[in-house]
Amino acid sequence: KKINKDYLNGRIIFAEENQKDPKLAKVIQDWTFEVALGLTSLIHIFDPPAIIIGGGVMEQEHLIKKISMKVKELIMENYSDVSIIKASLGNKAGIYGAASLHLKSEN
């Protein structure tokens, strides 16, 4: 299968303006469902007050909202008060963690 050169970066793939491509929109819809289904399972098992998700593509608020809405559709009513929140460090968490370890090793 041919891969569209424009879709080699996760941020590009999940950018709202690129969802005009119906095939790509379907892939994103399916991916969003799978993430929401996984989160729903974890919520049903652990009953957390919140789920914090991060990473590069999660920097986009519309994606967090889509996942949150899908979780709300799938979740049992007794668990519906869970919050789905974007990680405050986003995609920079790994860099901060590496810098922290480096600074600790110097002391």
PDB file of N, CA and C in Angstrom:
ATOM      1  N   LYS A   1       0.839  -1.183   0.000  1.00  0.00           N
ATOM      2  CA  LYS A   1       0.000   0.000   0.000  1.00  0.00           C
ATOM      3  C   LYS A   1       0.878   1.239   0.000  1.00  0.00           C
ATOM      4  N   LYS A   2       0.433   2.245  -0.721  1.00  0.00           N
ATOM      5  CA  LYS A   2       1.160   3.505  -0.742  1.00  0.00           C
ATOM      6  C   LYS A   2       0.854   4.304   0.519  1.00  0.00           C
ATOM      7  N   ILE A   3       1.886   4.901   1.072  1.00  0.00           N
ATOM      8  CA  ILE A   3       1.719   5.770   2.237  1.00  0.00           C
ATOM      9  C   ILE A   3       1.840   7.206   1.772  1.00  0.00           C
ATOM     10  N   ASN A   4       0.893   8.005   2.146  1.00  0.00           N
ATOM     11  CA  ASN A   4       0.941   9.422   1.817  1.00  0.00           C
ATOM     12  C   ASN A   4       2.117  10.052   2.567  1.00  0.00           C
ATOM     13  N   LYS A   5       3.032  10.664   1.831  1.00  0.00           N
ATOM     14  CA  LYS A   5       4.218  11.286   2.433  1.00  0.00           C
ATOM     15  C   LYS A   5       3.849  12.317   3.491  1.00  0.00           C
ATOM     16  N   ASP A   6       2.701  12.929   3.343  1.00  0.00           N
ATOM     17  CA  ASP A   6       2.285  13.969   4.270  1.00  0.00           C
ATOM     18  C   ASP A   6       1.889  13.413   5.637  1.00  0.00           C
ATOM     19  N   TYR A   7       1.695  12.087   5.753  1.00  0.00           N
ATOM     20  CA  TYR A   7       1.194  11.491   6.981  1.00  0.00           C
ATOM     21  C   TYR A   7       2.263  10.729   7.764  1.00  0.00           C
ATOM     22  N   LEU A   8       3.500  11.160   7.700  1.00  0.00           N
ATOM     23  CA  LEU A   8       4.569  10.454   8.398  1.00  0.00           C
ATOM     24  C   LEU A   8       4.824  10.975   9.805  1.00  0.00           C
ATOM     25  N   ASN A   9       4.098  11.958  10.244  1.00  0.00           N
ATOM     26  CA  ASN A   9       4.282  12.557  11.557  1.00  0.00           C
ATOM     27  C   ASN A   9       2.946  12.497  12.296  1.00  0.00           C
ATOM     28  N   GLY A  10       2.963  12.003  13.535  1.00  0.00           N
ATOM     29  CA  GLY A  10       1.738  11.867  14.307  1.00  0.00           C
ATOM     30  C   GLY A  10       0.980  13.169  14.481  1.00  0.00           C
ATOM     31  N   ARG A  11       1.710  14.251  14.652  1.00  0.00           N
ATOM     32  CA  ARG A  11       1.035  15.537  14.817  1.00  0.00           C
ATOM     33  C   ARG A  11       0.292  15.924  13.544  1.00  0.00           C
ATOM     34  N   ILE A  12       0.878  15.598  12.410  1.00  0.00           N
ATOM     35  CA  ILE A  12       0.226  15.891  11.126  1.00  0.00           C
ATOM     36  C   ILE A  12      -0.995  15.001  10.945  1.00  0.00           C
ATOM     37  N   ILE A  13      -0.839  13.736  11.269  1.00  0.00           N
ATOM     38  CA  ILE A  13      -1.940  12.792  11.091  1.00  0.00           C
ATOM     39  C   ILE A  13      -3.143  13.199  11.930  1.00  0.00           C
ATOM     40  N   PHE A  14      -2.908  13.636  13.154  1.00  0.00           N
ATOM     41  CA  PHE A  14      -4.010  13.946  14.048  1.00  0.00           C
ATOM     42  C   PHE A  14      -4.455  15.394  14.004  1.00  0.00           C
ATOM     43  N   ALA A  15      -3.822  16.191  13.189  1.00  0.00           N
ATOM     44  CA  ALA A  15      -4.231  17.593  13.082  1.00  0.00           C
ATOM     45  C   ALA A  15      -5.652  17.656  12.521  1.00  0.00           C
ATOM     46  N   GLU A  16      -6.449  18.503  13.075  1.00  0.00           N
ATOM     47  CA  GLU A  16      -7.865  18.585  12.713  1.00  0.00           C
ATOM     48  C   GLU A  16      -8.072  18.835  11.221  1.00  0.00           C
ATOM     49  N   GLU A  17      -7.227  19.673  10.643  1.00  0.00           N
ATOM     50  CA  GLU A  17      -7.422  20.009   9.239  1.00  0.00           C
ATOM     51  C   GLU A  17      -7.183  18.821   8.311  1.00  0.00           C
ATOM     52  N   ASN A  18      -6.462  17.812   8.758  1.00  0.00           N
ATOM     53  CA  ASN A  18      -6.198  16.657   7.907  1.00  0.00           C
ATOM     54  C   ASN A  18      -7.297  15.606   7.972  1.00  0.00           C
ATOM     55  N   GLN A  19      -8.319  15.859   8.745  1.00  0.00           N
ATOM     56  CA  GLN A  19      -9.386  14.882   8.840  1.00  0.00           C
ATOM     57  C   GLN A  19     -10.380  15.024   7.698  1.00  0.00           C
ATOM     58  N   LYS A  20     -10.039  15.820   6.704  1.00  0.00           N
ATOM     59  CA  LYS A  20     -10.862  15.928   5.496  1.00  0.00           C
ATOM     60  C   LYS A  20     -10.686  14.693   4.622  1.00  0.00           C
ATOM     61  N   ASP A  21      -9.597  13.976   4.815  1.00  0.00           N
ATOM     62  CA  ASP A  21      -9.339  12.739   4.089  1.00  0.00           C
ATOM     63  C   ASP A  21     -10.202  11.646   4.731  1.00  0.00           C
ATOM     64  N   PRO A  22     -11.214  11.112   4.024  1.00  0.00           N
ATOM     65  CA  PRO A  22     -12.143  10.151   4.639  1.00  0.00           C
ATOM     66  C   PRO A  22     -11.462   8.874   5.137  1.00  0.00           C
ATOM     67  N   LYS A  23     -10.455   8.388   4.428  1.00  0.00           N
ATOM     68  CA  LYS A  23      -9.761   7.175   4.868  1.00  0.00           C
ATOM     69  C   LYS A  23      -8.994   7.448   6.159  1.00  0.00           C
ATOM     70  N   LEU A  24      -8.323   8.579   6.200  1.00  0.00           N
ATOM     71  CA  LEU A  24      -7.576   8.949   7.396  1.00  0.00           C
ATOM     72  C   LEU A  24      -8.517   9.220   8.565  1.00  0.00           C
ATOM     73  N   ALA A  25      -9.636   9.862   8.298  1.00  0.00           N
ATOM     74  CA  ALA A  25     -10.618  10.132   9.345  1.00  0.00           C
ATOM     75  C   ALA A  25     -11.120   8.823   9.960  1.00  0.00           C
ATOM     76  N   LYS A  26     -11.318   7.799   9.122  1.00  0.00           N
ATOM     77  CA  LYS A  26     -11.761   6.487   9.617  1.00  0.00           C
ATOM     78  C   LYS A  26     -10.687   5.842  10.484  1.00  0.00           C
ATOM     79  N   VAL A  27      -9.448   5.935  10.075  1.00  0.00           N
ATOM     80  CA  VAL A  27      -8.344   5.384  10.866  1.00  0.00           C
ATOM     81  C   VAL A  27      -8.286   6.078  12.231  1.00  0.00           C
ATOM     82  N   ILE A  28      -8.407   7.401  12.235  1.00  0.00           N
ATOM     83  CA  ILE A  28      -8.374   8.164  13.482  1.00  0.00           C
ATOM     84  C   ILE A  28      -9.574   7.811  14.355  1.00  0.00           C
ATOM     85  N   GLN A  29     -10.741   7.670  13.741  1.00  0.00           N
ATOM     86  CA  GLN A  29     -11.942   7.291  14.491  1.00  0.00           C
ATOM     87  C   GLN A  29     -11.754   5.919  15.137  1.00  0.00           C
ATOM     88  N   ASP A  30     -11.227   4.966  14.386  1.00  0.00           N
ATOM     89  CA  ASP A  30     -10.987   3.622  14.918  1.00  0.00           C
ATOM     90  C   ASP A  30      -9.952   3.658  16.035  1.00  0.00           C
ATOM     91  N   TRP A  31      -8.884   4.437  15.847  1.00  0.00           N
ATOM     92  CA  TRP A  31      -7.830   4.554  16.867  1.00  0.00           C
ATOM     93  C   TRP A  31      -8.398   5.165  18.143  1.00  0.00           C
ATOM     94  N   THR A  32      -9.196   6.215  17.989  1.00  0.00           N
ATOM     95  CA  THR A  32      -9.813   6.874  19.136  1.00  0.00           C
ATOM     96  C   THR A  32     -10.691   5.897  19.905  1.00  0.00           C
ATOM     97  N   PHE A  33     -11.456   5.083  19.177  1.00  0.00           N
ATOM     98  CA  PHE A  33     -12.303   4.075  19.812  1.00  0.00           C
ATOM     99  C   PHE A  33     -11.455   3.077  20.599  1.00  0.00           C
ATOM    100  N   GLU A  34     -10.370   2.597  20.015  1.00  0.00           N
ATOM    101  CA  GLU A  34      -9.510   1.611  20.686  1.00  0.00           C
ATOM    102  C   GLU A  34      -8.887   2.194  21.957  1.00  0.00           C
ATOM    103  N   VAL A  35      -8.429   3.445  21.906  1.00  0.00           N
ATOM    104  CA  VAL A  35      -7.872   4.100  23.094  1.00  0.00           C
ATOM    105  C   VAL A  35      -8.958   4.236  24.159  1.00  0.00           C
ATOM    106  N   ALA A  36     -10.134   4.691  23.761  1.00  0.00           N
ATOM    107  CA  ALA A  36     -11.243   4.861  24.705  1.00  0.00           C
ATOM    108  C   ALA A  36     -11.658   3.524  25.313  1.00  0.00           C
ATOM    109  N   LEU A  37     -11.673   2.484  24.512  1.00  0.00           N
ATOM    110  CA  LEU A  37     -12.034   1.157  25.015  1.00  0.00           C
ATOM    111  C   LEU A  37     -11.016   0.685  26.056  1.00  0.00           C
ATOM    112  N   GLY A  38      -9.744   0.887  25.774  1.00  0.00           N
ATOM    113  CA  GLY A  38      -8.699   0.518  26.733  1.00  0.00           C
ATOM    114  C   GLY A  38      -8.812   1.308  28.026  1.00  0.00           C
ATOM    115  N   LEU A  39      -9.038   2.608  27.911  1.00  0.00           N
ATOM    116  CA  LEU A  39      -9.190   3.444  29.102  1.00  0.00           C
ATOM    117  C   LEU A  39     -10.434   3.030  29.899  1.00  0.00           C
ATOM    118  N   THR A  40     -11.497   2.721  29.201  1.00  0.00           N
ATOM    119  CA  THR A  40     -12.727   2.285  29.866  1.00  0.00           C
ATOM    120  C   THR A  40     -12.469   1.016  30.678  1.00  0.00           C
ATOM    121  N   SER A  41     -11.743   0.086  30.108  1.00  0.00           N
ATOM    122  CA  SER A  41     -11.408  -1.149  30.838  1.00  0.00           C
ATOM    123  C   SER A  41     -10.604  -0.835  32.097  1.00  0.00           C
ATOM    124  N   LEU A  42      -9.609   0.032  31.966  1.00  0.00           N
ATOM    125  CA  LEU A  42      -8.799   0.406  33.131  1.00  0.00           C
ATOM    126  C   LEU A  42      -9.637   1.102  34.199  1.00  0.00           C
ATOM    127  N   ILE A  43     -10.543   1.959  33.770  1.00  0.00           N
ATOM    128  CA  ILE A  43     -11.417   2.661  34.717  1.00  0.00           C
ATOM    129  C   ILE A  43     -12.311   1.672  35.448  1.00  0.00           C
ATOM    130  N   HIS A  44     -12.867   0.708  34.722  1.00  0.00           N
ATOM    131  CA  HIS A  44     -13.728  -0.288  35.354  1.00  0.00           C
ATOM    132  C   HIS A  44     -12.954  -1.164  36.334  1.00  0.00           C
ATOM    133  N   ILE A  45     -11.686  -1.401  36.082  1.00  0.00           N
ATOM    134  CA  ILE A  45     -10.871  -2.240  36.964  1.00  0.00           C
ATOM    135  C   ILE A  45     -10.410  -1.458  38.198  1.00  0.00           C
ATOM    136  N   PHE A  46      -9.870  -0.246  37.981  1.00  0.00           N
ATOM    137  CA  PHE A  46      -9.202   0.477  39.068  1.00  0.00           C
ATOM    138  C   PHE A  46     -10.032   1.599  39.690  1.00  0.00           C
ATOM    139  N   ASP A  47     -11.096   2.033  39.046  1.00  0.00           N
ATOM    140  CA  ASP A  47     -11.968   3.106  39.536  1.00  0.00           C
ATOM    141  C   ASP A  47     -11.178   4.347  39.978  1.00  0.00           C
ATOM    142  N   PRO A  48     -10.334   4.903  39.090  1.00  0.00           N
ATOM    143  CA  PRO A  48      -9.560   6.087  39.470  1.00  0.00           C
ATOM    144  C   PRO A  48     -10.421   7.354  39.389  1.00  0.00           C
ATOM    145  N   PRO A  49     -10.039   8.397  40.115  1.00  0.00           N
ATOM    146  CA  PRO A  49     -10.771   9.661  39.992  1.00  0.00           C
ATOM    147  C   PRO A  49     -10.451  10.378  38.684  1.00  0.00           C
ATOM    148  N   ALA A  50      -9.265  10.067  38.123  1.00  0.00           N
ATOM    149  CA  ALA A  50      -8.849  10.729  36.879  1.00  0.00           C
ATOM    150  C   ALA A  50      -7.892   9.835  36.107  1.00  0.00           C
ATOM    151  N   ILE A  51      -7.858  10.042  34.811  1.00  0.00           N
ATOM    152  CA  ILE A  51      -6.887   9.419  33.915  1.00  0.00           C
ATOM    153  C   ILE A  51      -6.125  10.570  33.272  1.00  0.00           C
ATOM    154  N   ILE A  52      -4.809  10.521  33.355  1.00  0.00           N
ATOM    155  CA  ILE A  52      -3.978  11.566  32.762  1.00  0.00           C
ATOM    156  C   ILE A  52      -3.252  10.956  31.573  1.00  0.00           C
ATOM    157  N   ILE A  53      -3.460  11.542  30.399  1.00  0.00           N
ATOM    158  CA  ILE A  53      -2.832  11.007  29.200  1.00  0.00           C
ATOM    159  C   ILE A  53      -1.940  12.075  28.571  1.00  0.00           C
ATOM    160  N   GLY A  54      -0.838  11.625  28.029  1.00  0.00           N
ATOM    161  CA  GLY A  54       0.106  12.569  27.444  1.00  0.00           C
ATOM    162  C   GLY A  54       0.786  11.988  26.227  1.00  0.00           C
ATOM    163  N   GLY A  55       1.764  12.697  25.749  1.00  0.00           N
ATOM    164  CA  GLY A  55       2.481  12.320  24.546  1.00  0.00           C
ATOM    165  C   GLY A  55       2.263  13.363  23.469  1.00  0.00           C
ATOM    166  N   GLY A  56       3.016  13.249  22.404  1.00  0.00           N
ATOM    167  CA  GLY A  56       2.989  14.254  21.345  1.00  0.00           C
ATOM    168  C   GLY A  56       1.632  14.512  20.739  1.00  0.00           C
ATOM    169  N   VAL A  57       0.931  13.460  20.346  1.00  0.00           N
ATOM    170  CA  VAL A  57      -0.359  13.678  19.693  1.00  0.00           C
ATOM    171  C   VAL A  57      -1.423  14.145  20.676  1.00  0.00           C
ATOM    172  N   MET A  58      -1.223  13.879  21.947  1.00  0.00           N
ATOM    173  CA  MET A  58      -2.204  14.296  22.950  1.00  0.00           C
ATOM    174  C   MET A  58      -2.106  15.786  23.280  1.00  0.00           C
ATOM    175  N   GLU A  59      -1.189  16.477  22.648  1.00  0.00           N
ATOM    176  CA  GLU A  59      -1.080  17.921  22.817  1.00  0.00           C
ATOM    177  C   GLU A  59      -2.294  18.633  22.214  1.00  0.00           C
ATOM    178  N   GLN A  60      -3.015  17.946  21.388  1.00  0.00           N
ATOM    179  CA  GLN A  60      -4.154  18.537  20.691  1.00  0.00           C
ATOM    180  C   GLN A  60      -5.429  18.337  21.516  1.00  0.00           C
ATOM    181  N   GLU A  61      -5.973  19.435  21.995  1.00  0.00           N
ATOM    182  CA  GLU A  61      -7.147  19.384  22.867  1.00  0.00           C
ATOM    183  C   GLU A  61      -8.318  18.639  22.225  1.00  0.00           C
ATOM    184  N   HIS A  62      -8.519  18.808  20.917  1.00  0.00           N
ATOM    185  CA  HIS A  62      -9.672  18.143  20.282  1.00  0.00           C
ATOM    186  C   HIS A  62      -9.559  16.628  20.364  1.00  0.00           C
ATOM    187  N   LEU A  63      -8.347  16.113  20.384  1.00  0.00           N
ATOM    188  CA  LEU A  63      -8.164  14.670  20.472  1.00  0.00           C
ATOM    189  C   LEU A  63      -8.515  14.170  21.874  1.00  0.00           C
ATOM    190  N   ILE A  64      -8.099  14.900  22.892  1.00  0.00           N
ATOM    191  CA  ILE A  64      -8.451  14.544  24.271  1.00  0.00           C
ATOM    192  C   ILE A  64      -9.975  14.566  24.428  1.00  0.00           C
ATOM    193  N   LYS A  65     -10.611  15.569  23.846  1.00  0.00           N
ATOM    194  CA  LYS A  65     -12.072  15.679  23.951  1.00  0.00           C
ATOM    195  C   LYS A  65     -12.764  14.504  23.264  1.00  0.00           C
ATOM    196  N   LYS A  66     -12.262  14.113  22.088  1.00  0.00           N
ATOM    197  CA  LYS A  66     -12.863  12.982  21.371  1.00  0.00           C
ATOM    198  C   LYS A  66     -12.754  11.699  22.190  1.00  0.00           C
ATOM    199  N   ILE A  67     -11.570  11.477  22.759  1.00  0.00           N
ATOM    200  CA  ILE A  67     -11.360  10.273  23.571  1.00  0.00           C
ATOM    201  C   ILE A  67     -12.259  10.316  24.800  1.00  0.00           C
ATOM    202  N   SER A  68     -12.318  11.464  25.451  1.00  0.00           N
ATOM    203  CA  SER A  68     -13.148  11.622  26.649  1.00  0.00           C
ATOM    204  C   SER A  68     -14.626  11.366  26.337  1.00  0.00           C
ATOM    205  N   MET A  69     -15.099  11.912  25.239  1.00  0.00           N
ATOM    206  CA  MET A  69     -16.501  11.708  24.847  1.00  0.00           C
ATOM    207  C   MET A  69     -16.785  10.233  24.576  1.00  0.00           C
ATOM    208  N   LYS A  70     -15.846   9.568  23.913  1.00  0.00           N
ATOM    209  CA  LYS A  70     -16.036   8.154  23.602  1.00  0.00           C
ATOM    210  C   LYS A  70     -16.019   7.318  24.880  1.00  0.00           C
ATOM    211  N   VAL A  71     -15.144   7.655  25.825  1.00  0.00           N
ATOM    212  CA  VAL A  71     -15.126   6.954  27.115  1.00  0.00           C
ATOM    213  C   VAL A  71     -16.469   7.129  27.815  1.00  0.00           C
ATOM    214  N   LYS A  72     -16.997   8.341  27.798  1.00  0.00           N
ATOM    215  CA  LYS A  72     -18.291   8.607  28.449  1.00  0.00           C
ATOM    216  C   LYS A  72     -19.406   7.771  27.821  1.00  0.00           C
ATOM    217  N   GLU A  73     -19.316   7.486  26.520  1.00  0.00           N
ATOM    218  CA  GLU A  73     -20.304   6.643  25.850  1.00  0.00           C
ATOM    219  C   GLU A  73     -20.173   5.176  26.275  1.00  0.00           C
ATOM    220  N   LEU A  74     -18.945   4.731  26.506  1.00  0.00           N
ATOM    221  CA  LEU A  74     -18.674   3.321  26.765  1.00  0.00           C
ATOM    222  C   LEU A  74     -18.747   2.934  28.237  1.00  0.00           C
ATOM    223  N   ILE A  75     -18.580   3.875  29.128  1.00  0.00           N
ATOM    224  CA  ILE A  75     -18.373   3.576  30.538  1.00  0.00           C
ATOM    225  C   ILE A  75     -19.689   3.254  31.259  1.00  0.00           C
ATOM    226  N   MET A  76     -19.586   2.408  32.251  1.00  0.00           N
ATOM    227  CA  MET A  76     -20.747   2.116  33.089  1.00  0.00           C
ATOM    228  C   MET A  76     -21.070   3.350  33.933  1.00  0.00           C
ATOM    229  N   GLU A  77     -22.347   3.554  34.189  1.00  0.00           N
ATOM    230  CA  GLU A  77     -22.805   4.773  34.855  1.00  0.00           C
ATOM    231  C   GLU A  77     -22.117   5.017  36.208  1.00  0.00           C
ATOM    232  N   ASN A  78     -21.858   3.971  36.965  1.00  0.00           N
ATOM    233  CA  ASN A  78     -21.233   4.123  38.286  1.00  0.00           C
ATOM    234  C   ASN A  78     -19.823   4.694  38.223  1.00  0.00           C
ATOM    235  N   TYR A  79     -19.192   4.667  37.062  1.00  0.00           N
ATOM    236  CA  TYR A  79     -17.819   5.142  36.907  1.00  0.00           C
ATOM    237  C   TYR A  79     -17.740   6.451  36.124  1.00  0.00           C
ATOM    238  N   SER A  80     -18.851   7.033  35.820  1.00  0.00           N
ATOM    239  CA  SER A  80     -18.898   8.166  34.889  1.00  0.00           C
ATOM    240  C   SER A  80     -18.316   9.467  35.431  1.00  0.00           C
ATOM    241  N   ASP A  81     -17.954   9.515  36.703  1.00  0.00           N
ATOM    242  CA  ASP A  81     -17.405  10.757  37.243  1.00  0.00           C
ATOM    243  C   ASP A  81     -15.892  10.881  37.048  1.00  0.00           C
ATOM    244  N   VAL A  82     -15.277   9.939  36.373  1.00  0.00           N
ATOM    245  CA  VAL A  82     -13.838   9.997  36.113  1.00  0.00           C
ATOM    246  C   VAL A  82     -13.518  11.153  35.168  1.00  0.00           C
ATOM    247  N   SER A  83     -12.414  11.837  35.433  1.00  0.00           N
ATOM    248  CA  SER A  83     -11.956  12.930  34.559  1.00  0.00           C
ATOM    249  C   SER A  83     -10.825  12.425  33.684  1.00  0.00           C
ATOM    250  N   ILE A  84     -10.825  12.838  32.437  1.00  0.00           N
ATOM    251  CA  ILE A  84      -9.721  12.519  31.531  1.00  0.00           C
ATOM    252  C   ILE A  84      -9.008  13.833  31.254  1.00  0.00           C
ATOM    253  N   ILE A  85      -7.740  13.873  31.627  1.00  0.00           N
ATOM    254  CA  ILE A  85      -6.979  15.115  31.646  1.00  0.00           C
ATOM    255  C   ILE A  85      -5.707  14.963  30.809  1.00  0.00           C
ATOM    256  N   LYS A  86      -5.350  16.036  30.145  1.00  0.00           N
ATOM    257  CA  LYS A  86      -4.097  16.067  29.391  1.00  0.00           C
ATOM    258  C   LYS A  86      -2.942  16.267  30.371  1.00  0.00           C
ATOM    259  N   ALA A  87      -1.868  15.504  30.213  1.00  0.00           N
ATOM    260  CA  ALA A  87      -0.682  15.646  31.063  1.00  0.00           C
ATOM    261  C   ALA A  87      -0.099  17.047  30.914  1.00  0.00           C
ATOM    262  N   SER A  88       0.244  17.653  32.025  1.00  0.00           N
ATOM    263  CA  SER A  88       0.713  19.046  31.986  1.00  0.00           C
ATOM    264  C   SER A  88       2.051  19.191  31.270  1.00  0.00           C
ATOM    265  N   LEU A  89       2.904  18.175  31.323  1.00  0.00           N
ATOM    266  CA  LEU A  89       4.193  18.262  30.640  1.00  0.00           C
ATOM    267  C   LEU A  89       4.110  17.808  29.189  1.00  0.00           C
ATOM    268  N   GLY A  90       3.012  17.199  28.827  1.00  0.00           N
ATOM    269  CA  GLY A  90       2.818  16.777  27.445  1.00  0.00           C
ATOM    270  C   GLY A  90       3.945  15.894  26.946  1.00  0.00           C
ATOM    271  N   ASN A  91       4.450  16.218  25.802  1.00  0.00           N
ATOM    272  CA  ASN A  91       5.498  15.428  25.171  1.00  0.00           C
ATOM    273  C   ASN A  91       6.887  15.744  25.741  1.00  0.00           C
ATOM    274  N   LYS A  92       6.965  16.691  26.658  1.00  0.00           N
ATOM    275  CA  LYS A  92       8.259  17.082  27.224  1.00  0.00           C
ATOM    276  C   LYS A  92       8.619  16.289  28.477  1.00  0.00           C
ATOM    277  N   ALA A  93       7.765  15.422  28.944  1.00  0.00           N
ATOM    278  CA  ALA A  93       8.003  14.676  30.180  1.00  0.00           C
ATOM    279  C   ALA A  93       9.298  13.870  30.107  1.00  0.00           C
ATOM    280  N   GLY A  94       9.545  13.221  28.993  1.00  0.00           N
ATOM    281  CA  GLY A  94      10.766  12.423  28.838  1.00  0.00           C
ATOM    282  C   GLY A  94      12.020  13.266  28.935  1.00  0.00           C
ATOM    283  N   ILE A  95      12.002  14.429  28.335  1.00  0.00           N
ATOM    284  CA  ILE A  95      13.166  15.332  28.377  1.00  0.00           C
ATOM    285  C   ILE A  95      13.418  15.799  29.805  1.00  0.00           C
ATOM    286  N   TYR A  96      12.330  16.195  30.500  1.00  0.00           N
ATOM    287  CA  TYR A  96      12.478  16.633  31.886  1.00  0.00           C
ATOM    288  C   TYR A  96      12.993  15.495  32.767  1.00  0.00           C
ATOM    289  N   GLY A  97      12.491  14.304  32.547  1.00  0.00           N
ATOM    290  CA  GLY A  97      12.959  13.150  33.317  1.00  0.00           C
ATOM    291  C   GLY A  97      14.428  12.863  33.076  1.00  0.00           C
ATOM    292  N   ALA A  98      14.867  12.918  31.824  1.00  0.00           N
ATOM    293  CA  ALA A  98      16.275  12.678  31.500  1.00  0.00           C
ATOM    294  C   ALA A  98      17.158  13.758  32.115  1.00  0.00           C
ATOM    295  N   ALA A  99      16.724  15.008  32.031  1.00  0.00           N
ATOM    296  CA  ALA A  99      17.492  16.103  32.621  1.00  0.00           C
ATOM    297  C   ALA A  99      17.586  15.946  34.131  1.00  0.00           C
ATOM    298  N   SER A 100      16.492  15.526  34.758  1.00  0.00           N
ATOM    299  CA  SER A 100      16.478  15.319  36.205  1.00  0.00           C
ATOM    300  C   SER A 100      17.468  14.236  36.608  1.00  0.00           C
ATOM    301  N   LEU A 101      17.483  13.128  35.870  1.00  0.00           N
ATOM    302  CA  LEU A 101      18.435  12.055  36.175  1.00  0.00           C
ATOM    303  C   LEU A 101      19.865  12.520  35.983  1.00  0.00           C
ATOM    304  N   HIS A 102      20.107  13.278  34.955  1.00  0.00           N
ATOM    305  CA  HIS A 102      21.447  13.803  34.696  1.00  0.00           C
ATOM    306  C   HIS A 102      21.902  14.721  35.841  1.00  0.00           C
ATOM    307  N   LEU A 103      21.023  15.595  36.263  1.00  0.00           N
ATOM    308  CA  LEU A 103      21.366  16.531  37.342  1.00  0.00           C
ATOM    309  C   LEU A 103      21.600  15.776  38.660  1.00  0.00           C
ATOM    310  N   LYS A 104      20.823  14.750  38.933  1.00  0.00           N
ATOM    311  CA  LYS A 104      21.015  13.946  40.148  1.00  0.00           C
ATOM    312  C   LYS A 104      22.342  13.207  40.107  1.00  0.00           C
ATOM    313  N   SER A 105      22.739  12.738  38.935  1.00  0.00           N
ATOM    314  CA  SER A 105      23.981  11.971  38.828  1.00  0.00           C
ATOM    315  C   SER A 105      25.221  12.857  39.001  1.00  0.00           C
ATOM    316  N   GLU A 106      25.067  14.160  38.776  1.00  0.00           N
ATOM    317  CA  GLU A 106      26.185  15.072  38.943  1.00  0.00           C
ATOM    318  C   GLU A 106      26.443  15.393  40.412  1.00  0.00           C
ATOM    319  N   ASN A 107      25.440  15.195  41.265  1.00  0.00           N
ATOM    320  CA  ASN A 107      25.597  15.526  42.696  1.00  0.00           C
ATOM    321  C   ASN A 107      26.209  14.427  43.460  1.00  0.00           C
TER     322      ASN A 107
END
